[in-house]
């Protein structure tokens, strides 16, 4: 619903997140904020599109370090709900396989 706020905290091992915002065909008016720890300035994206079904918003945002929180605010009126998905895209802390094109003998 319009005016709604949702926060998505992420583990320090998450290197980037995928953000998708869309509507059911109504205008999409939102603010996305990336908060990185208590003492850093937040990064903000304000967005608007006439039709959130034909033109949804998609972005991959880098989230290095710890204390990362993505906050999505629906700045539209109450009559214009939006659908948001914020999920880990790239997760570090695991084994980085060399990009040699060869996968023989490696367990997945």
N, C-alpha and C. Protein backbone atom coordinates (compact mmCIF):
# COMPACT_ATOMS: atom_id res chain seq x y z
N UNK A 1 0.83 -1.18 0.00
CA UNK A 1 0.00 0.00 0.00
C UNK A 1 0.87 1.24 0.00
N UNK A 2 0.30 2.33 -0.45
CA UNK A 2 1.02 3.59 -0.46
C UNK A 2 1.45 3.98 0.93
N UNK A 3 2.65 4.53 1.04
CA UNK A 3 3.18 4.95 2.32
C UNK A 3 3.83 3.84 3.11
N UNK A 4 3.77 2.61 2.63
CA UNK A 4 4.33 1.48 3.36
C UNK A 4 5.85 1.49 3.29
N UNK A 5 6.47 0.94 4.34
CA UNK A 5 7.92 0.87 4.43
C UNK A 5 8.31 -0.56 4.79
N UNK A 6 9.33 -1.07 4.13
CA UNK A 6 9.79 -2.44 4.41
C UNK A 6 11.31 -2.44 4.42
N UNK A 7 11.91 -3.09 5.41
CA UNK A 7 13.36 -3.18 5.48
C UNK A 7 13.82 -4.61 5.26
N UNK A 8 14.98 -4.74 4.62
CA UNK A 8 15.58 -6.04 4.32
C UNK A 8 17.02 -6.04 4.80
N UNK A 9 17.29 -6.58 6.00
CA UNK A 9 18.68 -6.66 6.47
C UNK A 9 19.40 -7.83 5.80
N UNK A 10 20.73 -7.68 5.61
CA UNK A 10 21.51 -8.73 4.96
C UNK A 10 22.74 -9.08 5.77
N UNK A 11 23.09 -10.35 5.70
CA UNK A 11 24.27 -10.90 6.33
C UNK A 11 25.52 -10.28 5.72
N UNK A 12 26.62 -10.14 6.47
CA UNK A 12 27.85 -9.56 5.92
C UNK A 12 28.44 -10.34 4.74
N UNK A 13 28.06 -11.61 4.56
CA UNK A 13 28.59 -12.38 3.44
C UNK A 13 27.92 -12.05 2.11
N UNK A 14 26.83 -11.28 2.14
CA UNK A 14 26.13 -10.91 0.90
C UNK A 14 26.88 -9.74 0.25
N UNK A 15 27.39 -9.98 -0.97
CA UNK A 15 28.16 -8.96 -1.69
C UNK A 15 27.29 -8.04 -2.54
N UNK A 16 26.13 -8.52 -2.98
CA UNK A 16 25.21 -7.69 -3.76
C UNK A 16 23.80 -8.26 -3.64
N UNK A 17 22.82 -7.38 -3.87
CA UNK A 17 21.42 -7.78 -3.79
C UNK A 17 20.71 -7.42 -5.08
N UNK A 18 19.68 -8.19 -5.43
CA UNK A 18 18.82 -7.91 -6.58
C UNK A 18 17.52 -7.30 -6.06
N UNK A 19 17.13 -6.18 -6.65
CA UNK A 19 15.92 -5.47 -6.24
C UNK A 19 14.97 -5.41 -7.43
N UNK A 20 13.74 -5.85 -7.21
CA UNK A 20 12.70 -5.79 -8.25
C UNK A 20 11.48 -5.11 -7.64
N UNK A 21 10.99 -4.06 -8.31
CA UNK A 21 9.76 -3.39 -7.90
C UNK A 21 8.82 -3.36 -9.09
N UNK A 22 7.55 -3.67 -8.85
CA UNK A 22 6.55 -3.61 -9.92
C UNK A 22 5.18 -3.35 -9.31
N UNK A 23 4.23 -3.02 -10.17
CA UNK A 23 2.84 -2.83 -9.75
C UNK A 23 1.95 -3.67 -10.65
N UNK A 24 0.65 -3.55 -10.45
CA UNK A 24 -0.31 -4.28 -11.28
C UNK A 24 -0.75 -3.46 -12.49
N UNK A 25 0.04 -2.50 -12.91
CA UNK A 25 -0.29 -1.66 -14.05
C UNK A 25 -0.52 -0.21 -13.66
N UNK A 26 -0.49 0.05 -12.38
CA UNK A 26 -0.65 1.41 -11.88
C UNK A 26 0.71 2.10 -11.81
N UNK A 27 0.73 3.40 -11.51
CA UNK A 27 2.02 4.09 -11.38
C UNK A 27 2.86 3.51 -10.24
N UNK A 28 4.16 3.51 -10.45
CA UNK A 28 5.12 3.05 -9.45
C UNK A 28 5.92 4.26 -8.98
N UNK A 29 5.81 4.56 -7.71
CA UNK A 29 6.49 5.71 -7.11
C UNK A 29 7.12 5.21 -5.81
N UNK A 30 8.45 5.15 -5.76
CA UNK A 30 9.09 4.54 -4.60
C UNK A 30 10.46 5.17 -4.33
N UNK A 31 10.95 4.88 -3.14
CA UNK A 31 12.30 5.28 -2.75
C UNK A 31 13.00 4.04 -2.22
N UNK A 32 14.22 3.81 -2.70
CA UNK A 32 15.05 2.70 -2.25
C UNK A 32 16.24 3.30 -1.53
N UNK A 33 16.50 2.82 -0.32
CA UNK A 33 17.62 3.33 0.47
C UNK A 33 18.53 2.18 0.83
N UNK A 34 19.83 2.41 0.72
CA UNK A 34 20.83 1.45 1.16
C UNK A 34 21.54 2.05 2.36
N UNK A 35 21.37 1.42 3.51
CA UNK A 35 22.01 1.86 4.74
C UNK A 35 23.16 0.90 5.03
N UNK A 36 24.36 1.45 5.20
CA UNK A 36 25.54 0.62 5.44
C UNK A 36 26.15 1.02 6.78
N UNK A 37 25.69 0.39 7.83
CA UNK A 37 26.21 0.67 9.16
C UNK A 37 25.61 1.92 9.76
N UNK A 38 25.82 2.12 11.05
CA UNK A 38 25.16 3.24 11.74
C UNK A 38 25.78 4.61 11.46
N UNK A 39 27.04 4.67 11.06
CA UNK A 39 27.71 5.97 10.92
C UNK A 39 27.94 6.41 9.48
N UNK A 40 27.38 5.71 8.52
CA UNK A 40 27.56 6.08 7.11
C UNK A 40 26.31 6.73 6.55
N UNK A 41 26.49 7.59 5.56
CA UNK A 41 25.36 8.19 4.86
C UNK A 41 24.65 7.13 4.03
N UNK A 42 23.34 7.23 3.97
CA UNK A 42 22.59 6.27 3.17
C UNK A 42 22.61 6.70 1.71
N UNK A 43 22.51 5.71 0.82
CA UNK A 43 22.41 5.96 -0.61
C UNK A 43 20.94 5.80 -0.97
N UNK A 44 20.44 6.74 -1.78
CA UNK A 44 19.00 6.78 -2.06
C UNK A 44 18.76 6.82 -3.57
N UNK A 45 17.75 6.06 -3.99
CA UNK A 45 17.25 6.11 -5.37
C UNK A 45 15.77 6.43 -5.29
N UNK A 46 15.36 7.52 -5.92
CA UNK A 46 13.93 7.85 -6.05
C UNK A 46 13.52 7.45 -7.46
N UNK A 47 12.40 6.77 -7.57
CA UNK A 47 11.98 6.35 -8.92
C UNK A 47 10.50 6.52 -9.14
N UNK A 48 10.17 6.70 -10.42
CA UNK A 48 8.77 6.84 -10.83
C UNK A 48 8.63 6.26 -12.23
N UNK A 49 7.54 5.53 -12.45
CA UNK A 49 7.16 5.09 -13.78
C UNK A 49 5.63 5.08 -13.86
N UNK A 50 5.11 5.39 -15.02
CA UNK A 50 3.65 5.47 -15.22
C UNK A 50 2.96 4.13 -15.05
N UNK A 51 3.64 3.05 -15.47
CA UNK A 51 3.04 1.72 -15.45
C UNK A 51 4.07 0.73 -14.93
N UNK A 52 3.91 0.31 -13.70
CA UNK A 52 4.88 -0.59 -13.07
C UNK A 52 4.79 -2.03 -13.53
N UNK A 53 3.82 -2.35 -14.38
CA UNK A 53 3.73 -3.69 -14.95
C UNK A 53 4.50 -3.74 -16.26
N UNK A 54 4.28 -2.75 -17.12
CA UNK A 54 5.00 -2.67 -18.40
C UNK A 54 6.45 -2.27 -18.19
N UNK A 55 6.72 -1.44 -17.19
CA UNK A 55 8.07 -0.94 -16.94
C UNK A 55 8.45 -1.11 -15.47
N UNK A 56 8.68 -2.35 -15.04
CA UNK A 56 9.10 -2.56 -13.65
C UNK A 56 10.53 -2.08 -13.46
N UNK A 57 10.95 -1.95 -12.20
CA UNK A 57 12.31 -1.52 -11.88
C UNK A 57 13.11 -2.73 -11.43
N UNK A 58 14.34 -2.84 -11.94
CA UNK A 58 15.24 -3.92 -11.56
C UNK A 58 16.65 -3.36 -11.41
N UNK A 59 17.33 -3.71 -10.34
CA UNK A 59 18.71 -3.28 -10.14
C UNK A 59 19.45 -4.29 -9.30
N UNK A 60 20.75 -4.37 -9.54
CA UNK A 60 21.64 -5.13 -8.68
C UNK A 60 22.52 -4.11 -7.98
N UNK A 61 22.53 -4.15 -6.65
CA UNK A 61 23.24 -3.17 -5.83
C UNK A 61 24.33 -3.86 -5.03
N UNK A 62 25.54 -3.33 -5.11
CA UNK A 62 26.65 -3.86 -4.33
C UNK A 62 26.44 -3.54 -2.85
N UNK A 63 26.71 -4.51 -1.98
CA UNK A 63 26.55 -4.33 -0.54
C UNK A 63 27.78 -4.86 0.19
N UNK A 64 28.95 -4.25 -0.02
CA UNK A 64 30.15 -4.75 0.65
C UNK A 64 30.14 -4.42 2.15
N UNK A 65 30.82 -5.23 2.92
CA UNK A 65 30.93 -4.96 4.35
C UNK A 65 29.75 -5.50 5.14
N UNK A 66 29.65 -5.01 6.38
CA UNK A 66 28.60 -5.51 7.26
C UNK A 66 27.60 -4.40 7.60
N UNK A 67 26.48 -4.80 8.17
CA UNK A 67 25.46 -3.84 8.59
C UNK A 67 24.63 -3.28 7.45
N UNK A 68 24.49 -4.01 6.36
CA UNK A 68 23.73 -3.54 5.21
C UNK A 68 22.24 -3.80 5.36
N UNK A 69 21.46 -2.76 5.12
CA UNK A 69 20.01 -2.86 5.14
C UNK A 69 19.47 -2.13 3.92
N UNK A 70 18.59 -2.78 3.17
CA UNK A 70 17.88 -2.13 2.07
C UNK A 70 16.49 -1.80 2.56
N UNK A 71 16.10 -0.54 2.38
CA UNK A 71 14.77 -0.10 2.81
C UNK A 71 14.02 0.36 1.57
N UNK A 72 12.80 -0.14 1.39
CA UNK A 72 11.93 0.22 0.27
C UNK A 72 10.73 0.96 0.84
N UNK A 73 10.49 2.17 0.32
CA UNK A 73 9.37 2.99 0.76
C UNK A 73 8.46 3.24 -0.44
N UNK A 74 7.19 2.90 -0.30
CA UNK A 74 6.21 3.20 -1.34
C UNK A 74 5.74 4.64 -1.11
N UNK A 75 6.17 5.56 -1.98
CA UNK A 75 5.83 6.97 -1.80
C UNK A 75 4.56 7.36 -2.56
N UNK A 76 3.87 6.38 -3.11
CA UNK A 76 2.62 6.63 -3.83
C UNK A 76 1.47 6.73 -2.84
N UNK A 77 0.31 7.20 -3.30
CA UNK A 77 -0.88 7.21 -2.45
C UNK A 77 -1.29 5.78 -2.06
N UNK A 78 -2.15 5.69 -1.07
CA UNK A 78 -2.59 4.39 -0.55
C UNK A 78 -3.19 3.51 -1.64
N UNK A 79 -3.80 4.10 -2.64
CA UNK A 79 -4.49 3.32 -3.68
C UNK A 79 -3.52 2.60 -4.62
N UNK A 80 -2.22 2.89 -4.54
CA UNK A 80 -1.25 2.33 -5.49
C UNK A 80 -0.25 1.42 -4.78
N UNK A 81 -0.61 0.16 -4.55
CA UNK A 81 0.34 -0.76 -3.91
C UNK A 81 1.44 -1.15 -4.89
N UNK A 82 2.56 -1.60 -4.35
CA UNK A 82 3.64 -2.11 -5.19
C UNK A 82 4.10 -3.45 -4.66
N UNK A 83 4.74 -4.21 -5.51
CA UNK A 83 5.30 -5.51 -5.15
C UNK A 83 6.81 -5.36 -5.16
N UNK A 84 7.46 -5.74 -4.08
CA UNK A 84 8.91 -5.60 -3.95
C UNK A 84 9.54 -6.95 -3.65
N UNK A 85 10.68 -7.19 -4.28
CA UNK A 85 11.49 -8.36 -4.00
C UNK A 85 12.93 -7.89 -3.85
N UNK A 86 13.51 -8.15 -2.69
CA UNK A 86 14.91 -7.83 -2.44
C UNK A 86 15.55 -9.10 -1.92
N UNK A 87 16.52 -9.62 -2.67
CA UNK A 87 17.12 -10.89 -2.31
C UNK A 87 18.61 -10.88 -2.59
N UNK A 88 19.34 -11.72 -1.88
CA UNK A 88 20.78 -11.82 -2.11
C UNK A 88 21.04 -12.24 -3.55
N UNK A 89 21.97 -11.56 -4.20
CA UNK A 89 22.32 -11.88 -5.59
C UNK A 89 23.66 -12.61 -5.64
N UNK A 90 24.65 -12.02 -5.00
CA UNK A 90 25.96 -12.66 -4.94
C UNK A 90 26.38 -12.77 -3.48
N UNK A 91 26.75 -13.97 -3.09
CA UNK A 91 27.13 -14.22 -1.71
C UNK A 91 28.59 -14.64 -1.69
N UNK A 92 29.40 -13.95 -0.89
CA UNK A 92 30.82 -14.29 -0.75
C UNK A 92 31.02 -15.21 0.42
N UNK A 93 32.26 -15.37 0.81
CA UNK A 93 32.56 -16.20 1.95
C UNK A 93 32.65 -17.68 1.61
N UNK A 94 32.28 -18.02 0.39
CA UNK A 94 32.39 -19.41 -0.03
C UNK A 94 33.67 -19.61 -0.82
N UNK A 95 33.77 -20.72 -1.48
CA UNK A 95 34.94 -21.02 -2.28
C UNK A 95 34.77 -20.37 -3.64
N UNK A 96 35.75 -19.57 -4.04
CA UNK A 96 35.73 -18.98 -5.38
C UNK A 96 36.45 -19.93 -6.33
N UNK A 97 35.70 -20.43 -7.31
CA UNK A 97 36.29 -21.33 -8.28
C UNK A 97 37.01 -20.52 -9.34
N UNK A 98 38.20 -20.94 -9.75
CA UNK A 98 38.87 -20.22 -10.83
C UNK A 98 38.07 -20.36 -12.11
N UNK A 99 38.05 -19.32 -12.89
CA UNK A 99 37.28 -19.30 -14.13
C UNK A 99 38.14 -19.83 -15.27
N UNK A 100 38.46 -21.13 -15.21
CA UNK A 100 39.30 -21.72 -16.25
C UNK A 100 38.48 -22.55 -17.23
N UNK A 101 37.17 -22.60 -17.03
CA UNK A 101 36.31 -23.34 -17.95
C UNK A 101 36.36 -24.84 -17.73
N UNK A 102 37.11 -25.30 -16.75
CA UNK A 102 37.28 -26.72 -16.51
C UNK A 102 36.69 -27.07 -15.15
N UNK A 103 35.77 -28.04 -15.10
CA UNK A 103 35.11 -28.39 -13.84
C UNK A 103 35.32 -29.87 -13.49
N UNK A 104 36.37 -30.49 -13.97
CA UNK A 104 36.59 -31.91 -13.71
C UNK A 104 37.09 -32.11 -12.28
N UNK A 105 36.46 -33.01 -11.55
CA UNK A 105 36.91 -33.39 -10.23
C UNK A 105 36.54 -32.41 -9.11
N UNK A 106 35.70 -31.45 -9.38
CA UNK A 106 35.28 -30.53 -8.34
C UNK A 106 33.89 -30.88 -7.87
N UNK A 107 33.71 -30.93 -6.57
CA UNK A 107 32.39 -31.24 -6.01
C UNK A 107 31.58 -29.97 -5.90
N UNK A 108 30.30 -30.09 -6.14
CA UNK A 108 29.43 -28.91 -6.08
C UNK A 108 28.58 -28.99 -4.87
